[in-house]
Amino acid sequence: MIFEFLSIAAQNPALHAEPPLLKEIRRYLEDNLDRKIRLPQLAAKFGLSSVQLLALFRKHLNLTPNRYLIQRRMARAAVLLGNSELRINEIAFAVGYTDPLYFSGEFRRCHKVSPRQYRSALNNVSV
């Protein structure tokens, strides 16, 4: 009987719904991709300890807040590369990187190509 309940509970997405606090934190991060965000300050802003914030992200997103932020920044950078005429260093600044070379390395780790190659591939597809 307990096994049946746990099995049904595991299949019910409503029981694993994202807490409102996590939605609020994710919205804050999305709105501030261009800013330097440190874990202790982020946690304090939302009335959590760093350990609580880490646990919240790991439980619901299976990511650390830092890894989540990097993924969101790289996704935003990909959009900007495809939909703007901004230079790569301007995109780096727009998504929170002060060093365009570091940004390019992060982008390559995430997308397996450099920002320039990514943009070039998009331009070749849309022509």
Foldseek 3Di string as FASTA:
>chain_A
DVVVVVVVCVVDVVNLDQDPLVVVLVVVLLVPQLADDDQQVSQVVSPHGSVVQQVSCCSNPVDGPVVVSLVSLLVQLLCCLQPHPDDQCVSCNVRHHNDSVVVQVSNCVVVVDGSVVSSVVSVVVVD
